């Protein structure tokens, strides 16, 4: 395979994808991705968590 051209303009990319019959919008996040993110959040070190797990006091700051 040989690179012939590189498309960098968003309007050109959208036009090209439309001509191919491909979607041009960002797909919705799947429910399984949300569940995986929740599991990862539970297993993060306490200093990396955005919210403390259940049963832990919240930081007053």
Protein backbone atom coordinates (compact mmCIF):
# COMPACT_ATOMS: atom_id res chain seq x y z
CA UNK A 1 0.00 0.00 0.00
CA UNK A 2 1.25 3.45 -0.85
CA UNK A 3 0.22 6.76 0.74
CA UNK A 4 -1.21 8.95 -2.00
CA UNK A 5 -2.66 11.87 -0.04
CA UNK A 6 -3.35 13.05 3.48
CA UNK A 7 -6.67 14.67 4.34
CA UNK A 8 -6.42 17.20 7.18
CA UNK A 9 -9.37 19.57 6.78
CA UNK A 10 -12.46 18.52 8.81
CA UNK A 11 -14.84 19.51 6.01
CA UNK A 12 -12.92 17.37 3.53
CA UNK A 13 -12.91 14.42 5.92
CA UNK A 14 -16.68 14.72 6.45
CA UNK A 15 -17.31 14.94 2.70
CA UNK A 16 -15.10 11.89 2.06
CA UNK A 17 -16.79 9.80 4.79
CA UNK A 18 -20.24 10.83 3.54
CA UNK A 19 -19.32 9.72 0.00
CA UNK A 20 -18.32 6.32 1.41
CA UNK A 21 -21.56 6.04 3.37
CA UNK A 22 -19.75 6.17 6.72
CA UNK A 23 -21.01 8.11 9.76
CA UNK A 24 -19.42 11.50 10.40
CA UNK A 25 -20.54 12.01 14.02
CA UNK A 26 -18.93 10.62 17.16
CA UNK A 27 -20.59 7.39 18.32
CA UNK A 28 -22.27 7.30 21.73
CA UNK A 29 -20.36 5.72 24.56
CA UNK A 30 -21.41 2.14 25.18
CA UNK A 31 -22.85 1.08 28.55
CA UNK A 32 -20.04 -1.43 28.98
CA UNK A 33 -17.48 1.39 28.69
CA UNK A 34 -19.26 3.26 31.49
CA UNK A 35 -19.22 0.12 33.66
CA UNK A 36 -15.52 -0.42 32.95
CA UNK A 37 -14.75 3.17 33.92
CA UNK A 38 -16.59 2.65 37.23
CA UNK A 39 -14.57 -0.50 37.98
CA UNK A 40 -11.31 1.28 37.18
CA UNK A 41 -12.30 4.15 39.47
CA UNK A 42 -12.88 1.70 42.34
CA UNK A 43 -9.40 0.21 41.92
CA UNK A 44 -7.43 3.45 41.72
CA UNK A 45 -5.15 4.48 44.56
CA UNK A 46 -6.96 6.82 47.00
CA UNK A 47 -4.82 9.77 45.91
CA UNK A 48 -5.95 9.28 42.28
CA UNK A 49 -9.69 8.94 42.91
CA UNK A 50 -12.06 11.69 41.93
CA UNK A 51 -14.49 10.65 44.69
CA UNK A 52 -13.73 8.59 47.83
CA UNK A 53 -15.29 5.10 47.86
CA UNK A 54 -18.35 4.37 50.01
CA UNK A 55 -17.59 4.34 53.70
CA UNK A 56 -14.65 6.77 53.43
CA UNK A 57 -14.93 10.36 54.63
CA UNK A 58 -14.81 13.06 51.98
CA UNK A 59 -11.85 15.44 51.96
CA UNK A 60 -12.96 18.77 53.50
CA UNK A 61 -10.87 20.86 51.06
